[in-house]
C-alpha atoms as a PDB file:
ATOM      1  CA  MET A   1     -11.904  23.011 -33.565  1.00  0.00           C
ATOM      2  CA  ASN A   2      -8.069  22.494 -33.733  1.00  0.00           C
ATOM      3  CA  GLU A   3      -6.431  20.934 -36.736  1.00  0.00           C
ATOM      4  CA  LYS A   4      -6.528  17.624 -35.050  1.00  0.00           C
ATOM      5  CA  GLY A   5     -10.225  17.757 -34.567  1.00  0.00           C
ATOM      6  CA  ILE A   6     -10.003  18.423 -30.651  1.00  0.00           C
ATOM      7  CA  SER A   7     -12.109  21.212 -29.141  1.00  0.00           C
ATOM      8  CA  LEU A   8     -10.709  23.823 -26.758  1.00  0.00           C
ATOM      9  CA  VAL A   9     -12.750  22.430 -23.944  1.00  0.00           C
ATOM     10  CA  GLN A  10     -11.267  18.931 -24.594  1.00  0.00           C
ATOM     11  CA  LEU A  11      -7.801  20.389 -24.538  1.00  0.00           C
ATOM     12  CA  ARG A  12      -8.560  22.413 -21.167  1.00  0.00           C
ATOM     13  CA  GLN A  13      -9.941  19.222 -19.631  1.00  0.00           C
ATOM     14  CA  ARG A  14      -7.100  17.330 -20.815  1.00  0.00           C
ATOM     15  CA  LYS A  15      -4.506  19.920 -19.173  1.00  0.00           C
ATOM     16  CA  THR A  16      -6.657  20.074 -15.938  1.00  0.00           C
ATOM     17  CA  ARG A  17      -6.556  16.234 -15.633  1.00  0.00           C
ATOM     18  CA  GLN A  18      -2.620  16.477 -16.241  1.00  0.00           C
ATOM     19  CA  THR A  19      -2.181  18.977 -13.627  1.00  0.00           C
ATOM     20  CA  ALA A  20      -4.419  17.385 -11.010  1.00  0.00           C
ATOM     21  CA  ALA A  21      -2.157  14.060 -11.623  1.00  0.00           C
ATOM     22  CA  LEU A  22       1.073  15.911 -11.228  1.00  0.00           C
ATOM     23  CA  PHE A  23      -0.089  17.692  -8.040  1.00  0.00           C
ATOM     24  CA  LEU A  24      -1.620  14.137  -6.697  1.00  0.00           C
ATOM     25  CA  ALA A  25       1.456  11.953  -7.637  1.00  0.00           C
ATOM     26  CA  PRO A  26       3.553  12.841  -4.677  1.00  0.00           C
ATOM     27  CA  VAL A  27       0.953  12.436  -2.153  1.00  0.00           C
ATOM     28  CA  ILE A  28       0.026   9.017  -3.622  1.00  0.00           C
ATOM     29  CA  ILE A  29       3.769   8.109  -3.550  1.00  0.00           C
ATOM     30  CA  LEU A  30       3.993   9.131  -0.229  1.00  0.00           C
ATOM     31  CA  LEU A  31       1.007   7.314   1.014  1.00  0.00           C
ATOM     32  CA  VAL A  32       2.113   4.078  -0.458  1.00  0.00           C
ATOM     33  CA  VAL A  33       5.754   4.511   1.068  1.00  0.00           C
ATOM     34  CA  PHE A  34       4.670   5.621   4.585  1.00  0.00           C
ATOM     35  CA  ILE A  35       1.184   3.905   5.191  1.00  0.00           C
ATOM     36  CA  ALA A  36       0.613   0.979   2.601  1.00  0.00           C
ATOM     37  CA  TYR A  37       3.703  -0.762   2.767  1.00  0.00           C
ATOM     38  CA  PRO A  38       4.538  -0.937   6.385  1.00  0.00           C
ATOM     39  CA  ILE A  39       1.093  -2.525   6.672  1.00  0.00           C
ATOM     40  CA  ILE A  40       1.600  -5.089   4.126  1.00  0.00           C
ATOM     41  CA  ASP A  41       5.071  -5.947   5.796  1.00  0.00           C
ATOM     42  CA  THR A  42       3.599  -6.212   8.888  1.00  0.00           C
ATOM     43  CA  PHE A  43       1.046  -8.872   7.825  1.00  0.00           C
ATOM     44  CA  ILE A  44       4.185 -10.642   6.001  1.00  0.00           C
ATOM     45  CA  THR A  45       6.226 -10.502   9.304  1.00  0.00           C
ATOM     46  CA  SER A  46       3.457 -11.555  11.265  1.00  0.00           C
ATOM     47  CA  GLY A  47       3.895 -14.918   9.774  1.00  0.00           C
ATOM     48  CA  TYR A  48       7.314 -15.747  11.032  1.00  0.00           C
ATOM     49  CA  GLN A  49       8.806 -16.606  14.254  1.00  0.00           C
ATOM     50  CA  TRP A  50      11.243 -14.172  14.838  1.00  0.00           C
ATOM     51  CA  ASN A  51      12.577 -11.879  17.512  1.00  0.00           C
ATOM     52  CA  GLY A  52      13.198  -8.870  15.361  1.00  0.00           C
ATOM     53  CA  ILE A  53      16.906  -8.822  15.904  1.00  0.00           C
ATOM     54  CA  SER A  54      18.384 -12.255  14.509  1.00  0.00           C
ATOM     55  CA  ALA A  55      18.684 -13.004  11.004  1.00  0.00           C
ATOM     56  CA  ASP A  56      17.177 -16.403  11.242  1.00  0.00           C
ATOM     57  CA  LYS A  57      13.350 -16.358  10.500  1.00  0.00           C
ATOM     58  CA  LYS A  58      11.228 -19.478  10.895  1.00  0.00           C
ATOM     59  CA  MET A  59       8.125 -19.360   8.605  1.00  0.00           C
ATOM     60  CA  VAL A  60       5.119 -20.435  10.866  1.00  0.00           C
ATOM     61  CA  GLY A  61       2.445 -19.005   8.354  1.00  0.00           C
ATOM     62  CA  LEU A  62      -1.196 -18.831   9.952  1.00  0.00           C
ATOM     63  CA  GLY A  63      -0.238 -21.395  13.010  1.00  0.00           C
ATOM     64  CA  LYS A  64       0.803 -18.572  15.187  1.00  0.00           C
ATOM     65  CA  THR A  65      -2.562 -16.885  14.569  1.00  0.00           C
ATOM     66  CA  ASP A  66      -4.348 -20.075  15.918  1.00  0.00           C
ATOM     67  CA  GLN A  67      -2.338 -19.988  19.139  1.00  0.00           C
ATOM     68  CA  ARG A  68      -3.432 -16.442  19.698  1.00  0.00           C
ATOM     69  CA  TYR A  69      -7.021 -17.387  19.293  1.00  0.00           C
ATOM     70  CA  LYS A  70      -6.629 -20.170  21.975  1.00  0.00           C
ATOM     71  CA  ILE A  71      -5.051 -17.890  24.317  1.00  0.00           C
ATOM     72  CA  LEU A  72      -8.015 -15.493  23.953  1.00  0.00           C
ATOM     73  CA  ASP A  73     -10.537 -18.375  24.440  1.00  0.00           C
ATOM     74  CA  SER A  74      -9.099 -19.166  27.664  1.00  0.00           C
ATOM     75  CA  ILE A  75      -9.266 -15.730  29.174  1.00  0.00           C
END
């Protein structure tokens, strides 16, 4: 036992968890930046009538999705 009442096993487990977090943090940050953010941004952008170049965006919400389903049903 340590002065603080923490055993050596607990100290080793804590150190192992800290080391694992240190090595996993950059990977998690990269996953969020390069995978999760683009997916979320795609869903947000799909709610707009926008040509991708101009600054004016028109919010259409889910109305655009309804049009897609009507086109697919007619095929």
